[in-house]
Amino acid sequence: MEYQDRLKRIDFFINIIDNWAVCDMVDSSFKFINKNKEDFYKYLDSKLSATNPWEQKIYFCYVTCFIM
């Protein structure tokens, strides 16, 4: 699957998250991020102004798991 298609699926999925456990579980399942760290960081940077608490949580998890 293409990188951009994966990002679209992430965006879709984030909109249906409704609890903390799902956020914590999902971040470890996206192995493709390691191959695209710089591009994924740009994607995250564009999302940091999210107001939905589930979005905020999952972006924070991504940053701590894959970027740092």
PDB file of N, CA and C in Angstrom:
ATOM      1  N   MET A   1       0.847  -1.174   0.000  1.00  0.00           N
ATOM      2  CA  MET A   1       0.000   0.000   0.000  1.00  0.00           C
ATOM      3  C   MET A   1       0.894   1.239   0.000  1.00  0.00           C
ATOM      4  N   GLU A   2       0.492   2.229  -0.733  1.00  0.00           N
ATOM      5  CA  GLU A   2       1.250   3.475  -0.827  1.00  0.00           C
ATOM      6  C   GLU A   2       1.189   4.258   0.490  1.00  0.00           C
ATOM      7  N   TYR A   3       2.232   5.020   0.738  1.00  0.00           N
ATOM      8  CA  TYR A   3       2.342   5.803   1.967  1.00  0.00           C
ATOM      9  C   TYR A   3       1.158   6.755   2.148  1.00  0.00           C
ATOM     10  N   GLN A   4       0.788   7.497   1.130  1.00  0.00           N
ATOM     11  CA  GLN A   4      -0.324   8.456   1.220  1.00  0.00           C
ATOM     12  C   GLN A   4      -1.653   7.757   1.501  1.00  0.00           C
ATOM     13  N   ASP A   5      -1.833   6.584   0.946  1.00  0.00           N
ATOM     14  CA  ASP A   5      -3.050   5.811   1.231  1.00  0.00           C
ATOM     15  C   ASP A   5      -3.104   5.400   2.699  1.00  0.00           C
ATOM     16  N   ARG A   6      -1.967   5.071   3.250  1.00  0.00           N
ATOM     17  CA  ARG A   6      -1.918   4.725   4.673  1.00  0.00           C
ATOM     18  C   ARG A   6      -2.310   5.921   5.537  1.00  0.00           C
ATOM     19  N   LEU A   7      -1.817   7.099   5.170  1.00  0.00           N
ATOM     20  CA  LEU A   7      -2.168   8.305   5.938  1.00  0.00           C
ATOM     21  C   LEU A   7      -3.664   8.586   5.873  1.00  0.00           C
ATOM     22  N   LYS A   8      -4.260   8.368   4.724  1.00  0.00           N
ATOM     23  CA  LYS A   8      -5.711   8.559   4.596  1.00  0.00           C
ATOM     24  C   LYS A   8      -6.470   7.587   5.500  1.00  0.00           C
ATOM     25  N   ARG A   9      -5.997   6.374   5.569  1.00  0.00           N
ATOM     26  CA  ARG A   9      -6.642   5.389   6.442  1.00  0.00           C
ATOM     27  C   ARG A   9      -6.469   5.746   7.914  1.00  0.00           C
ATOM     28  N   ILE A  10      -5.301   6.272   8.260  1.00  0.00           N
ATOM     29  CA  ILE A  10      -5.081   6.727   9.637  1.00  0.00           C
ATOM     30  C   ILE A  10      -6.054   7.848   9.967  1.00  0.00           C
ATOM     31  N   ASP A  11      -6.183   8.816   9.071  1.00  0.00           N
ATOM     32  CA  ASP A  11      -7.120   9.926   9.297  1.00  0.00           C
ATOM     33  C   ASP A  11      -8.544   9.415   9.502  1.00  0.00           C
ATOM     34  N   PHE A  12      -8.953   8.464   8.683  1.00  0.00           N
ATOM     35  CA  PHE A  12     -10.286   7.887   8.826  1.00  0.00           C
ATOM     36  C   PHE A  12     -10.439   7.199  10.178  1.00  0.00           C
ATOM     37  N   PHE A  13      -9.461   6.380  10.513  1.00  0.00           N
ATOM     38  CA  PHE A  13      -9.543   5.618  11.749  1.00  0.00           C
ATOM     39  C   PHE A  13      -9.557   6.517  12.982  1.00  0.00           C
ATOM     40  N   ILE A  14      -8.750   7.546  12.968  1.00  0.00           N
ATOM     41  CA  ILE A  14      -8.690   8.451  14.116  1.00  0.00           C
ATOM     42  C   ILE A  14     -10.047   9.078  14.397  1.00  0.00           C
ATOM     43  N   ASN A  15     -10.813   9.297  13.371  1.00  0.00           N
ATOM     44  CA  ASN A  15     -12.138   9.893  13.557  1.00  0.00           C
ATOM     45  C   ASN A  15     -13.142   8.972  14.232  1.00  0.00           C
ATOM     46  N   ILE A  16     -12.844   7.683  14.291  1.00  0.00           N
ATOM     47  CA  ILE A  16     -13.788   6.765  14.941  1.00  0.00           C
ATOM     48  C   ILE A  16     -13.274   6.235  16.284  1.00  0.00           C
ATOM     49  N   ILE A  17     -12.094   6.662  16.719  1.00  0.00           N
ATOM     50  CA  ILE A  17     -11.571   6.244  18.026  1.00  0.00           C
ATOM     51  C   ILE A  17     -12.459   6.820  19.115  1.00  0.00           C
ATOM     52  N   ASP A  18     -12.750   5.977  20.126  1.00  0.00           N
ATOM     53  CA  ASP A  18     -13.613   6.454  21.204  1.00  0.00           C
ATOM     54  C   ASP A  18     -13.109   6.085  22.597  1.00  0.00           C
ATOM     55  N   ASN A  19     -11.838   5.627  22.686  1.00  0.00           N
ATOM     56  CA  ASN A  19     -11.292   5.336  24.017  1.00  0.00           C
ATOM     57  C   ASN A  19      -9.765   5.328  23.989  1.00  0.00           C
ATOM     58  N   TRP A  20      -9.188   5.443  25.174  1.00  0.00           N
ATOM     59  CA  TRP A  20      -7.729   5.544  25.304  1.00  0.00           C
ATOM     60  C   TRP A  20      -7.024   4.258  24.915  1.00  0.00           C
ATOM     61  N   ALA A  21      -7.599   3.120  25.216  1.00  0.00           N
ATOM     62  CA  ALA A  21      -6.949   1.846  24.938  1.00  0.00           C
ATOM     63  C   ALA A  21      -6.686   1.660  23.449  1.00  0.00           C
ATOM     64  N   VAL A  22      -7.628   2.067  22.629  1.00  0.00           N
ATOM     65  CA  VAL A  22      -7.443   1.944  21.178  1.00  0.00           C
ATOM     66  C   VAL A  22      -6.273   2.816  20.738  1.00  0.00           C
ATOM     67  N   CYS A  23      -6.175   4.012  21.254  1.00  0.00           N
ATOM     68  CA  CYS A  23      -5.059   4.902  20.910  1.00  0.00           C
ATOM     69  C   CYS A  23      -3.724   4.242  21.237  1.00  0.00           C
ATOM     70  N   ASP A  24      -3.624   3.703  22.428  1.00  0.00           N
ATOM     71  CA  ASP A  24      -2.368   3.101  22.866  1.00  0.00           C
ATOM     72  C   ASP A  24      -2.026   1.842  22.085  1.00  0.00           C
ATOM     73  N   MET A  25      -3.015   1.089  21.688  1.00  0.00           N
ATOM     74  CA  MET A  25      -2.790  -0.138  20.949  1.00  0.00           C
ATOM     75  C   MET A  25      -2.373   0.152  19.505  1.00  0.00           C
ATOM     76  N   VAL A  26      -2.987   1.111  18.895  1.00  0.00           N
ATOM     77  CA  VAL A  26      -2.766   1.387  17.474  1.00  0.00           C
ATOM     78  C   VAL A  26      -1.360   1.881  17.195  1.00  0.00           C
ATOM     79  N   ASP A  27      -0.812   2.705  18.063  1.00  0.00           N
ATOM     80  CA  ASP A  27       0.478   3.306  17.743  1.00  0.00           C
ATOM     81  C   ASP A  27       1.578   2.282  17.491  1.00  0.00           C
ATOM     82  N   SER A  28       1.510   1.123  18.121  1.00  0.00           N
ATOM     83  CA  SER A  28       2.555   0.126  17.925  1.00  0.00           C
ATOM     84  C   SER A  28       2.359  -0.715  16.668  1.00  0.00           C
ATOM     85  N   SER A  29       1.222  -0.581  16.009  1.00  0.00           N
ATOM     86  CA  SER A  29       0.938  -1.439  14.867  1.00  0.00           C
ATOM     87  C   SER A  29       1.337  -0.844  13.516  1.00  0.00           C
ATOM     88  N   PHE A  30       1.738   0.400  13.469  1.00  0.00           N
ATOM     89  CA  PHE A  30       2.078   1.042  12.197  1.00  0.00           C
ATOM     90  C   PHE A  30       3.580   0.991  11.957  1.00  0.00           C
ATOM     91  N   LYS A  31       4.059  -0.149  11.537  1.00  0.00           N
ATOM     92  CA  LYS A  31       5.493  -0.357  11.311  1.00  0.00           C
ATOM     93  C   LYS A  31       6.030   0.448  10.127  1.00  0.00           C
ATOM     94  N   PHE A  32       5.182   0.818   9.189  1.00  0.00           N
ATOM     95  CA  PHE A  32       5.628   1.554   8.008  1.00  0.00           C
ATOM     96  C   PHE A  32       6.191   2.930   8.362  1.00  0.00           C
ATOM     97  N   ILE A  33       5.849   3.420   9.525  1.00  0.00           N
ATOM     98  CA  ILE A  33       6.298   4.759   9.931  1.00  0.00           C
ATOM     99  C   ILE A  33       7.818   4.809  10.043  1.00  0.00           C
ATOM    100  N   ASN A  34       8.428   3.742  10.500  1.00  0.00           N
ATOM    101  CA  ASN A  34       9.886   3.723  10.640  1.00  0.00           C
ATOM    102  C   ASN A  34      10.608   3.960   9.322  1.00  0.00           C
ATOM    103  N   LYS A  35       9.982   3.597   8.227  1.00  0.00           N
ATOM    104  CA  LYS A  35      10.588   3.797   6.910  1.00  0.00           C
ATOM    105  C   LYS A  35      10.355   5.206   6.370  1.00  0.00           C
ATOM    106  N   ASN A  36       9.461   5.952   7.005  1.00  0.00           N
ATOM    107  CA  ASN A  36       9.078   7.283   6.512  1.00  0.00           C
ATOM    108  C   ASN A  36       9.058   8.308   7.642  1.00  0.00           C
ATOM    109  N   LYS A  37      10.028   8.245   8.531  1.00  0.00           N
ATOM    110  CA  LYS A  37       9.982   9.083   9.730  1.00  0.00           C
ATOM    111  C   LYS A  37       9.895  10.573   9.419  1.00  0.00           C
ATOM    112  N   GLU A  38      10.696  11.035   8.491  1.00  0.00           N
ATOM    113  CA  GLU A  38      10.692  12.467   8.188  1.00  0.00           C
ATOM    114  C   GLU A  38       9.349  12.913   7.618  1.00  0.00           C
ATOM    115  N   ASP A  39       8.814  12.162   6.692  1.00  0.00           N
ATOM    116  CA  ASP A  39       7.507  12.498   6.119  1.00  0.00           C
ATOM    117  C   ASP A  39       6.403  12.372   7.158  1.00  0.00           C
ATOM    118  N   PHE A  40       6.507  11.363   8.007  1.00  0.00           N
ATOM    119  CA  PHE A  40       5.478  11.183   9.024  1.00  0.00           C
ATOM    120  C   PHE A  40       5.528  12.314  10.045  1.00  0.00           C
ATOM    121  N   TYR A  41       6.711  12.795  10.351  1.00  0.00           N
ATOM    122  CA  TYR A  41       6.829  13.937  11.256  1.00  0.00           C
ATOM    123  C   TYR A  41       6.104  15.156  10.675  1.00  0.00           C
ATOM    124  N   LYS A  42       6.248  15.377   9.385  1.00  0.00           N
ATOM    125  CA  LYS A  42       5.539  16.488   8.732  1.00  0.00           C
ATOM    126  C   LYS A  42       4.028  16.298   8.840  1.00  0.00           C
ATOM    127  N   TYR A  43       3.580  15.073   8.651  1.00  0.00           N
ATOM    128  CA  TYR A  43       2.162  14.758   8.795  1.00  0.00           C
ATOM    129  C   TYR A  43       1.702  15.075  10.218  1.00  0.00           C
ATOM    130  N   LEU A  44       2.465  14.620  11.214  1.00  0.00           N
ATOM    131  CA  LEU A  44       2.102  14.890  12.607  1.00  0.00           C
ATOM    132  C   LEU A  44       2.098  16.379  12.906  1.00  0.00           C
ATOM    133  N   ASP A  45       3.082  17.070  12.403  1.00  0.00           N
ATOM    134  CA  ASP A  45       3.168  18.510  12.639  1.00  0.00           C
ATOM    135  C   ASP A  45       1.923  19.223  12.131  1.00  0.00           C
ATOM    136  N   SER A  46       1.372  18.748  11.032  1.00  0.00           N
ATOM    137  CA  SER A  46       0.164  19.371  10.482  1.00  0.00           C
ATOM    138  C   SER A  46      -1.076  19.055  11.314  1.00  0.00           C
ATOM    139  N   LYS A  47      -0.980  18.064  12.191  1.00  0.00           N
ATOM    140  CA  LYS A  47      -2.130  17.623  12.976  1.00  0.00           C
ATOM    141  C   LYS A  47      -2.101  18.091  14.433  1.00  0.00           C
ATOM    142  N   LEU A  48      -1.046  18.733  14.862  1.00  0.00           N
ATOM    143  CA  LEU A  48      -0.879  19.053  16.272  1.00  0.00           C
ATOM    144  C   LEU A  48      -1.891  20.052  16.816  1.00  0.00           C
ATOM    145  N   SER A  49      -2.606  20.719  15.969  1.00  0.00           N
ATOM    146  CA  SER A  49      -3.619  21.670  16.444  1.00  0.00           C
ATOM    147  C   SER A  49      -4.986  21.008  16.622  1.00  0.00           C
ATOM    148  N   ALA A  50      -5.043  19.701  16.578  1.00  0.00           N
ATOM    149  CA  ALA A  50      -6.300  18.967  16.744  1.00  0.00           C
ATOM    150  C   ALA A  50      -6.938  19.295  18.092  1.00  0.00           C
ATOM    151  N   THR A  51      -8.261  19.396  18.095  1.00  0.00           N
ATOM    152  CA  THR A  51      -8.981  19.682  19.339  1.00  0.00           C
ATOM    153  C   THR A  51      -9.656  18.445  19.923  1.00  0.00           C
ATOM    154  N   ASN A  52      -9.818  17.414  19.134  1.00  0.00           N
ATOM    155  CA  ASN A  52     -10.395  16.158  19.595  1.00  0.00           C
ATOM    156  C   ASN A  52      -9.386  15.468  20.524  1.00  0.00           C
ATOM    157  N   PRO A  53      -9.763  15.121  21.753  1.00  0.00           N
ATOM    158  CA  PRO A  53      -8.803  14.516  22.681  1.00  0.00           C
ATOM    159  C   PRO A  53      -8.241  13.186  22.206  1.00  0.00           C
ATOM    160  N   TRP A  54      -9.003  12.438  21.425  1.00  0.00           N
ATOM    161  CA  TRP A  54      -8.503  11.162  20.904  1.00  0.00           C
ATOM    162  C   TRP A  54      -7.428  11.407  19.863  1.00  0.00           C
ATOM    163  N   GLU A  55      -7.636  12.411  19.030  1.00  0.00           N
ATOM    164  CA  GLU A  55      -6.606  12.772  18.054  1.00  0.00           C
ATOM    165  C   GLU A  55      -5.337  13.216  18.761  1.00  0.00           C
ATOM    166  N   GLN A  56      -5.494  14.073  19.741  1.00  0.00           N
ATOM    167  CA  GLN A  56      -4.327  14.556  20.483  1.00  0.00           C
ATOM    168  C   GLN A  56      -3.548  13.398  21.098  1.00  0.00           C
ATOM    169  N   LYS A  57      -4.256  12.462  21.693  1.00  0.00           N
ATOM    170  CA  LYS A  57      -3.622  11.323  22.349  1.00  0.00           C
ATOM    171  C   LYS A  57      -2.859  10.466  21.353  1.00  0.00           C
ATOM    172  N   ILE A  58      -3.476  10.161  20.230  1.00  0.00           N
ATOM    173  CA  ILE A  58      -2.793   9.277  19.280  1.00  0.00           C
ATOM    174  C   ILE A  58      -1.595   9.968  18.646  1.00  0.00           C
ATOM    175  N   TYR A  59      -1.676  11.262  18.383  1.00  0.00           N
ATOM    176  CA  TYR A  59      -0.522  11.967  17.829  1.00  0.00           C
ATOM    177  C   TYR A  59       0.613  12.012  18.841  1.00  0.00           C
ATOM    178  N   PHE A  60       0.264  12.202  20.099  1.00  0.00           N
ATOM    179  CA  PHE A  60       1.289  12.171  21.136  1.00  0.00           C
ATOM    180  C   PHE A  60       1.952  10.793  21.194  1.00  0.00           C
ATOM    181  N   CYS A  61       1.158   9.749  21.101  1.00  0.00           N
ATOM    182  CA  CYS A  61       1.710   8.391  21.105  1.00  0.00           C
ATOM    183  C   CYS A  61       2.640   8.174  19.921  1.00  0.00           C
ATOM    184  N   TYR A  62       2.240   8.656  18.746  1.00  0.00           N
ATOM    185  CA  TYR A  62       3.105   8.523  17.570  1.00  0.00           C
ATOM    186  C   TYR A  62       4.436   9.224  17.792  1.00  0.00           C
ATOM    187  N   VAL A  63       4.373  10.426  18.315  1.00  0.00           N
ATOM    188  CA  VAL A  63       5.612  11.181  18.535  1.00  0.00           C
ATOM    189  C   VAL A  63       6.523  10.434  19.491  1.00  0.00           C
ATOM    190  N   THR A  64       5.980   9.949  20.585  1.00  0.00           N
ATOM    191  CA  THR A  64       6.824   9.274  21.565  1.00  0.00           C
ATOM    192  C   THR A  64       7.329   7.912  21.090  1.00  0.00           C
ATOM    193  N   CYS A  65       6.564   7.228  20.277  1.00  0.00           N
ATOM    194  CA  CYS A  65       6.970   5.886  19.825  1.00  0.00           C
ATOM    195  C   CYS A  65       7.885   5.895  18.601  1.00  0.00           C
ATOM    196  N   PHE A  66       7.633   6.794  17.684  1.00  0.00           N
ATOM    197  CA  PHE A  66       8.328   6.707  16.402  1.00  0.00           C
ATOM    198  C   PHE A  66       9.304   7.838  16.122  1.00  0.00           C
ATOM    199  N   ILE A  67       9.104   8.955  16.712  1.00  0.00           N
ATOM    200  CA  ILE A  67       9.949  10.093  16.376  1.00  0.00           C
ATOM    201  C   ILE A  67      11.093  10.249  17.375  1.00  0.00           C
ATOM    202  N   MET A  68      10.797  10.073  18.638  1.00  0.00           N
ATOM    203  CA  MET A  68      11.828  10.292  19.660  1.00  0.00           C
ATOM    204  C   MET A  68      12.725   9.098  19.812  1.00  0.00           C
TER     205      MET A  68
END
